[in-house]
Amino acid sequence: MGNPGEPSPDEARDAADFVKALQRLKERSGLTYRELERRAHRNGDVLARSTLADILRRTSLPRPDVLAAFVRACGEGRRLGAWLHARERIAADATATAPPPGPASHLAPGTSSGLAPDTTSVPAEVTAQRPGLEAEETTAGVLPVAGAGRAARSRRRRARTLAPAAGAVTALLAAVAWVLLPGGSAGPGTQAPVDGWVTIRPARTTDLCLTDGRDRGGAYASAVAVQLACSRAAVPRTYLEPAGEGLYRIQWHHPQHGKGCLTVIGTGPVRGMLEPRNDCARATLFRLERTPSGSESYRIRPSDSSRCVGIAGDDTAEGAEATEERCTDAADQRFVIRPT
């Protein structure tokens, strides 16, 4: 629960409480928006002060990557796991109690500014009485006031009219964005990988997940990334954090050891293998490229080399290590990234 007087995410019951805890965290840090932006940059994060200001005046949950950058900038990195878990709990509760989506529910205001869709602003009992309540009225966190029925109905009609066009524009922009990414193409199924909490699985053996283990030769005392049965890989949890310009950090979150970011080992007997390091600002950034086969798999490429991540010895057995190797079209260099 933290020290007395310390902002605690565990006490937040909903998104509004959670944002209040974030406001207290900022006040406790004594830092301005500009100072927080600079600190985040030094940490290797992206946190625009305009985004932060928007988050702290809304009642929407921030995206996990934005939350992580803010908490670290406030100097609370040691408690980042607690903040992320509280956010996940509130989001799950909101999903469980949310009413069926209305005709325009695929619109999600706020997502471009670092905010997750606000599904917690309207009490469940209100939306249950108003099954026709539109996304425009709920996702913005605003309930229609008495006497505004005609205006609300007019807005709903406009939302229904504009929704197909907005969906088409969104799809077009997404396609253009992927084409502009390195390795992107205009072919079918070329969307970017999902970020957030994920599992990373060798494409040949999707019952295995990349997780922490030891090198099979016993040459290294610390943990390295290996493939194990996903049923045995619940800890640490894997978080895929966008780092800008199409690059990602691969984070591991452990309940005892905290957060580490996968980094390619540059020297020694296990050179080329991946290990979690606490200094995420210096960790390896990875580019995720859709494989030429057009399947759901990706190649994982360290941004500071021309090589790819594969499985040592092209092995399919449990315990085989992930390692950096020359890029080929081999099956061991293909990975499936699934949200959790």
Protein backbone atom coordinates (compact mmCIF):
# COMPACT_ATOMS: atom_id res chain seq x y z
CA MET A 1 0.00 0.00 0.00
CA GLY A 2 3.03 2.31 0.23
CA ASN A 3 4.06 4.73 2.97
CA PRO A 4 1.55 6.92 4.81
CA GLY A 5 0.68 9.92 2.64
CA GLU A 6 2.13 8.29 -0.46
CA PRO A 7 -0.22 8.28 -3.46
CA SER A 8 -1.52 4.71 -3.69
CA PRO A 9 -3.10 3.27 -6.85
CA ASP A 10 -4.43 0.35 -4.80
CA GLU A 11 -7.06 2.59 -3.22
CA ALA A 12 -8.51 3.72 -6.58
CA ARG A 13 -11.96 2.26 -7.25
CA ASP A 14 -12.46 3.63 -10.75
CA ALA A 15 -10.80 5.72 -13.44
CA ALA A 16 -11.66 9.02 -11.72
CA ASP A 17 -10.02 7.85 -8.47
CA PHE A 18 -7.02 6.62 -10.44
CA VAL A 19 -6.51 10.02 -12.11
CA LYS A 20 -6.78 11.72 -8.71
CA ALA A 21 -4.00 9.45 -7.47
CA LEU A 22 -1.92 10.48 -10.50
CA GLN A 23 -2.57 14.14 -9.69
CA ARG A 24 -1.35 13.56 -6.13
CA LEU A 25 1.71 11.79 -7.51
CA LYS A 26 2.57 14.81 -9.65
CA GLU A 27 2.04 17.20 -6.72
CA ARG A 28 4.27 15.04 -4.55
CA SER A 29 7.02 15.07 -7.19
CA GLY A 30 7.08 18.89 -7.16
CA LEU A 31 7.86 18.85 -10.89
CA THR A 32 6.32 20.95 -13.66
CA TYR A 33 4.94 19.45 -16.85
CA ARG A 34 8.05 20.59 -18.72
CA GLU A 35 10.36 19.02 -16.10
CA LEU A 36 8.44 15.74 -16.26
CA GLU A 37 8.73 15.75 -20.05
CA ARG A 38 12.50 16.22 -19.79
CA ARG A 39 12.86 13.51 -17.14
CA ALA A 40 10.89 11.07 -19.29
CA HIS A 41 13.20 11.85 -22.21
CA ARG A 42 16.25 11.09 -20.06
CA ASN A 43 14.63 7.78 -19.09
CA GLY A 44 14.23 6.89 -22.75
CA ASP A 45 10.45 7.48 -22.64
CA VAL A 46 8.17 9.72 -24.65
CA LEU A 47 5.85 11.91 -22.53
CA ALA A 48 4.67 15.14 -24.11
CA ARG A 49 3.61 17.71 -21.53
CA SER A 50 0.42 18.43 -23.50
CA THR A 51 -0.48 14.74 -23.29
CA LEU A 52 0.21 14.68 -19.56
CA ALA A 53 -1.89 17.80 -18.95
CA ASP A 54 -4.76 16.21 -20.88
CA ILE A 55 -4.53 12.99 -18.87
CA LEU A 56 -4.58 14.75 -15.50
CA ARG A 57 -7.68 16.81 -16.29
CA ARG A 58 -9.72 13.88 -17.62
CA THR A 59 -11.33 10.88 -15.95
CA SER A 60 -10.06 8.37 -18.51
CA LEU A 61 -7.42 5.74 -17.86
CA PRO A 62 -4.11 6.59 -19.56
CA ARG A 63 -2.53 4.09 -21.91
CA PRO A 64 -0.12 1.73 -20.08
CA ASP A 65 2.96 3.07 -21.89
CA VAL A 66 2.06 6.68 -21.04
CA LEU A 67 1.34 5.69 -17.42
CA ALA A 68 4.70 3.95 -17.17
CA ALA A 69 6.55 6.97 -18.54
CA PHE A 70 4.77 9.31 -16.09
CA VAL A 71 5.36 7.12 -13.02
CA ARG A 72 9.05 6.75 -13.86
CA ALA A 73 9.41 10.50 -14.48
CA CYS A 74 7.93 11.13 -11.01
CA GLY A 75 10.66 8.93 -9.53
CA GLU A 76 8.29 6.09 -8.62
CA GLY A 77 9.72 3.44 -10.95
CA ARG A 78 10.06 0.98 -8.07
CA ARG A 79 6.25 0.97 -7.72
CA LEU A 80 5.46 0.90 -11.43
CA GLY A 81 4.13 -2.65 -11.21
CA ALA A 82 1.53 -1.56 -8.62
CA TRP A 83 0.33 1.30 -10.85
CA LEU A 84 0.06 -0.92 -13.92
CA HIS A 85 -1.77 -3.65 -12.01
CA ALA A 86 -4.24 -1.14 -10.53
CA ARG A 87 -4.90 0.28 -13.99
CA GLU A 88 -5.49 -3.20 -15.37
CA ARG A 89 -7.86 -4.01 -12.50
CA ILE A 90 -9.95 -0.88 -13.06
CA ALA A 91 -10.05 -1.42 -16.83
CA ALA A 92 -11.17 -5.03 -16.31
CA ASP A 93 -13.89 -3.95 -13.85
CA ALA A 94 -15.12 -1.32 -16.30
CA THR A 95 -15.27 -3.87 -19.12
CA ALA A 96 -17.20 -6.31 -16.94
CA THR A 97 -19.84 -3.71 -16.02
CA ALA A 98 -20.01 -1.82 -19.34
CA PRO A 99 -23.34 -1.94 -21.26
CA PRO A 100 -23.52 -3.33 -24.80
CA PRO A 101 -21.96 -0.82 -27.24
CA GLY A 102 -24.25 1.49 -29.20
CA PRO A 103 -24.16 1.98 -32.97
CA ALA A 104 -21.20 4.38 -32.78
CA SER A 105 -19.28 2.54 -30.04
CA HIS A 106 -16.29 1.86 -32.30
CA LEU A 107 -15.35 5.52 -32.03
CA ALA A 108 -12.87 6.06 -29.21
CA PRO A 109 -12.18 9.73 -28.47
CA GLY A 110 -9.01 10.30 -26.46
CA THR A 111 -6.90 7.45 -27.77
CA SER A 112 -4.67 9.70 -29.84
CA SER A 113 -3.72 11.82 -26.84
CA GLY A 114 -2.44 8.99 -24.65
CA LEU A 115 -5.83 8.23 -23.11
CA ALA A 116 -7.47 4.85 -23.18
CA PRO A 117 -11.18 4.90 -24.14
CA ASP A 118 -13.13 6.22 -21.15
CA THR A 119 -15.58 3.46 -20.29
CA THR A 120 -15.85 4.30 -16.59
CA SER A 121 -17.29 7.80 -16.56
CA VAL A 122 -20.95 6.78 -16.83
CA PRO A 123 -22.35 4.73 -13.93
CA ALA A 124 -23.57 1.29 -14.97
CA GLU A 125 -27.02 1.91 -13.51
CA VAL A 126 -27.43 4.99 -15.72
CA THR A 127 -26.40 3.25 -18.93
CA ALA A 128 -28.57 0.28 -18.05
CA GLN A 129 -31.57 2.62 -17.95
CA ARG A 130 -30.46 4.22 -21.23
CA PRO A 131 -29.51 1.35 -23.57
CA GLY A 132 -29.50 3.78 -26.49
CA LEU A 133 -26.83 6.02 -24.94
CA GLU A 134 -24.32 6.71 -27.68
CA ALA A 135 -20.54 6.44 -27.58
CA GLU A 136 -20.32 10.18 -28.17
CA GLU A 137 -22.06 10.73 -24.85
CA THR A 138 -20.31 8.02 -22.84
CA THR A 139 -16.73 7.98 -24.04
CA ALA A 140 -16.33 11.69 -23.52
CA GLY A 141 -17.48 11.28 -19.91
CA VAL A 142 -20.51 13.55 -20.36
CA LEU A 143 -24.09 12.66 -19.55
CA PRO A 144 -26.95 14.44 -21.40
CA VAL A 145 -28.58 17.06 -19.19
CA ALA A 146 -32.31 17.45 -18.67
CA GLY A 147 -34.03 19.24 -21.55
CA ALA A 148 -31.29 18.36 -24.02
CA GLY A 149 -33.05 15.33 -25.52
CA ARG A 150 -33.46 16.81 -28.99
CA ALA A 151 -29.81 17.87 -29.14
CA ALA A 152 -28.70 14.43 -27.99
CA ARG A 153 -30.83 12.72 -30.63
CA SER A 154 -29.43 15.07 -33.27
CA ARG A 155 -25.88 14.19 -32.22
CA ARG A 156 -26.72 10.49 -32.41
CA ARG A 157 -28.09 10.89 -35.94
CA ARG A 158 -24.91 12.72 -36.97
CA ALA A 159 -22.77 10.00 -35.35
CA ARG A 160 -24.64 7.28 -37.26
CA THR A 161 -24.24 9.22 -40.51
CA LEU A 162 -20.55 9.93 -40.03
CA ALA A 163 -19.52 6.57 -38.52
CA PRO A 164 -19.09 4.69 -41.85
CA ALA A 165 -17.04 7.54 -43.33
CA ALA A 166 -14.93 7.83 -40.18
CA GLY A 167 -14.31 4.07 -40.22
CA ALA A 168 -13.19 4.22 -43.84
CA VAL A 169 -10.82 7.13 -43.16
CA THR A 170 -9.38 5.35 -40.11
CA ALA A 171 -8.76 2.19 -42.11
CA LEU A 172 -7.09 4.18 -44.90
CA LEU A 173 -4.81 6.02 -42.48
CA ALA A 174 -3.85 2.76 -40.77
CA ALA A 175 -2.94 1.22 -44.11
CA VAL A 176 -0.86 4.25 -45.10
CA ALA A 177 0.93 4.26 -41.72
CA TRP A 178 1.92 0.61 -42.11
CA VAL A 179 3.24 1.18 -45.63
CA LEU A 180 5.47 3.94 -44.25
CA LEU A 181 6.90 1.67 -41.55
CA PRO A 182 10.13 -0.17 -42.40
CA GLY A 183 9.24 -3.64 -43.66
CA GLY A 184 5.62 -2.65 -44.21
CA SER A 185 3.59 -3.44 -47.27
CA ALA A 186 0.17 -2.77 -48.67
CA GLY A 187 -0.77 -6.44 -48.75
CA PRO A 188 -3.57 -7.99 -46.68
CA GLY A 189 -3.06 -8.54 -42.96
CA THR A 190 -0.13 -6.16 -42.57
CA GLN A 191 -1.26 -4.35 -39.43
CA ALA A 192 1.36 -3.39 -36.85
CA PRO A 193 1.83 -5.69 -33.84
CA VAL A 194 -0.25 -5.05 -30.76
CA ASP A 195 1.51 -3.32 -27.89
CA GLY A 196 0.81 -3.63 -24.18
CA TRP A 197 0.71 -6.94 -22.30
CA VAL A 198 1.58 -9.75 -24.71
CA THR A 199 3.07 -13.18 -25.08
CA ILE A 200 5.87 -13.77 -27.60
CA ARG A 201 5.77 -17.30 -29.03
CA PRO A 202 7.96 -19.09 -31.59
CA ALA A 203 5.73 -19.46 -34.65
CA ARG A 204 6.57 -23.17 -35.03
CA THR A 205 5.69 -24.01 -31.43
CA THR A 206 3.01 -21.59 -30.25
CA ASP A 207 2.50 -23.56 -27.04
CA LEU A 208 5.92 -22.19 -25.98
CA CYS A 209 6.57 -18.61 -24.84
CA LEU A 210 9.73 -16.55 -24.44
CA THR A 211 10.37 -16.16 -20.72
CA ASP A 212 13.24 -16.15 -18.26
CA GLY A 213 15.49 -19.17 -17.77
CA ARG A 214 19.16 -20.14 -17.78
CA ASP A 215 21.49 -20.94 -20.63
CA ARG A 216 21.74 -24.69 -21.07
CA GLY A 217 25.53 -24.66 -20.88
CA GLY A 218 25.52 -23.11 -17.41
CA ALA A 219 28.00 -20.44 -18.51
CA TYR A 220 25.98 -17.46 -17.26
CA ALA A 221 24.72 -16.85 -13.74
CA SER A 222 21.88 -14.48 -14.68
CA ALA A 223 18.56 -15.05 -16.42
CA VAL A 224 18.34 -15.15 -20.21
CA ALA A 225 15.36 -15.43 -22.56
CA VAL A 226 14.42 -19.05 -23.32
CA GLN A 227 11.35 -20.81 -24.70
CA LEU A 228 9.21 -22.67 -22.17
CA ALA A 229 5.66 -23.97 -22.09
CA CYS A 230 3.35 -20.96 -21.81
CA SER A 231 1.59 -22.63 -18.88
CA ARG A 232 4.89 -22.32 -17.00
CA ALA A 233 5.64 -18.79 -18.21
CA ALA A 234 3.09 -16.74 -16.27
CA VAL A 235 5.93 -14.86 -14.54
CA PRO A 236 7.47 -12.57 -15.59
CA ARG A 237 4.77 -10.86 -17.62
CA THR A 238 5.82 -9.41 -20.97
CA TYR A 239 4.99 -5.82 -21.93
CA LEU A 240 5.63 -4.45 -25.42
CA GLU A 241 6.31 -0.71 -25.11
CA PRO A 242 6.37 1.54 -28.21
CA ALA A 243 9.54 3.65 -28.26
CA GLY A 244 8.79 5.71 -31.38
CA GLU A 245 9.86 5.40 -35.01
CA GLY A 246 8.50 1.86 -35.23
CA LEU A 247 10.73 0.57 -32.40
CA TYR A 248 9.76 -1.26 -29.21
CA ARG A 249 11.14 -2.16 -25.79
CA ILE A 250 10.40 -5.69 -24.63
CA GLN A 251 9.78 -5.40 -20.90
CA TRP A 252 9.55 -8.17 -18.32
CA HIS A 253 7.60 -7.42 -15.14
CA HIS A 254 8.34 -9.68 -12.18
CA PRO A 255 6.47 -9.41 -8.84
CA GLN A 256 9.72 -9.76 -6.86
CA HIS A 257 12.43 -8.43 -9.16
CA GLY A 258 10.49 -5.55 -10.74
CA LYS A 259 10.88 -4.47 -14.35
CA GLY A 260 13.66 -5.33 -16.75
CA CYS A 261 14.03 -4.69 -20.48
CA LEU A 262 15.43 -7.35 -22.79
CA THR A 263 18.90 -6.47 -24.03
CA VAL A 264 21.23 -8.34 -26.38
CA ILE A 265 24.34 -9.49 -24.48
CA GLY A 266 27.36 -8.06 -26.27
CA THR A 267 30.26 -10.04 -24.78
CA GLY A 268 31.15 -13.23 -22.97
CA PRO A 269 30.23 -16.89 -23.32
CA VAL A 270 26.52 -16.17 -23.96
CA ARG A 271 27.10 -13.34 -26.42
CA GLY A 272 24.01 -12.70 -28.55
CA MET A 273 21.53 -14.06 -26.00
CA LEU A 274 18.93 -11.76 -24.45
CA GLU A 275 18.79 -10.82 -20.78
CA PRO A 276 16.53 -8.45 -18.77
CA ARG A 277 18.32 -5.32 -17.51
CA ASN A 278 17.05 -2.72 -15.07
CA ASP A 279 18.29 0.24 -17.09
CA CYS A 280 15.60 0.36 -19.76
CA ALA A 281 16.94 3.65 -21.12
CA ARG A 282 20.02 1.73 -22.31
CA ALA A 283 18.20 -1.45 -23.27
CA THR A 284 18.06 -2.77 -26.82
CA LEU A 285 15.27 -1.41 -28.98
CA PHE A 286 13.67 -3.87 -31.36
CA ARG A 287 12.00 -3.50 -34.74
CA LEU A 288 9.15 -5.92 -35.41
CA GLU A 289 8.80 -6.85 -39.07
CA ARG A 290 5.96 -8.84 -40.57
CA THR A 291 7.40 -12.01 -42.12
CA PRO A 292 7.29 -12.31 -45.92
CA SER A 293 4.99 -15.31 -45.67
CA GLY A 294 2.09 -12.98 -44.85
CA SER A 295 1.20 -15.00 -41.76
CA GLU A 296 0.63 -13.55 -38.31
CA SER A 297 4.28 -13.91 -37.38
CA TYR A 298 7.03 -11.29 -37.03
CA ARG A 299 10.78 -11.09 -37.16
CA ILE A 300 12.36 -9.41 -34.13
CA ARG A 301 15.36 -7.30 -35.14
CA PRO A 302 17.64 -5.36 -32.75
CA SER A 303 17.69 -1.78 -33.99
CA ASP A 304 21.46 -1.42 -33.55
CA SER A 305 22.41 -4.34 -35.82
CA SER A 306 21.42 -6.00 -39.08
CA ARG A 307 20.72 -9.31 -37.35
CA CYS A 308 17.54 -11.05 -36.14
CA VAL A 309 16.42 -12.87 -33.00
CA GLY A 310 16.12 -16.63 -33.45
CA ILE A 311 16.24 -19.80 -31.37
CA ALA A 312 19.68 -21.25 -30.67
CA GLY A 313 20.46 -24.26 -32.82
CA ASP A 314 17.09 -23.92 -34.60
CA ASP A 315 15.80 -25.94 -31.64
CA THR A 316 12.13 -26.59 -30.85
CA ALA A 317 12.76 -28.06 -27.38
CA GLU A 318 11.87 -26.34 -24.11
CA GLY A 319 14.75 -24.40 -22.62
CA ALA A 320 16.30 -23.41 -25.95
CA GLU A 321 17.67 -19.87 -25.76
CA ALA A 322 16.65 -16.86 -27.86
CA THR A 323 19.74 -15.42 -29.52
CA GLU A 324 20.79 -12.81 -32.07
CA GLU A 325 21.87 -14.39 -35.36
CA ARG A 326 22.22 -13.66 -39.05
CA CYS A 327 18.84 -12.88 -40.61
CA THR A 328 17.48 -15.66 -42.81
CA ASP A 329 14.01 -16.80 -43.77
CA ALA A 330 14.34 -19.69 -41.30
CA ALA A 331 11.29 -20.67 -39.27
CA ASP A 332 13.10 -20.21 -35.94
CA GLN A 333 13.22 -16.44 -36.57
CA ARG A 334 9.44 -16.09 -36.75
CA PHE A 335 7.44 -15.16 -33.65
CA VAL A 336 3.75 -14.75 -32.90
CA ILE A 337 2.85 -11.79 -30.67
CA ARG A 338 -0.50 -12.15 -28.91
CA PRO A 339 -2.22 -9.77 -26.49
CA THR A 340 -2.97 -11.03 -22.99
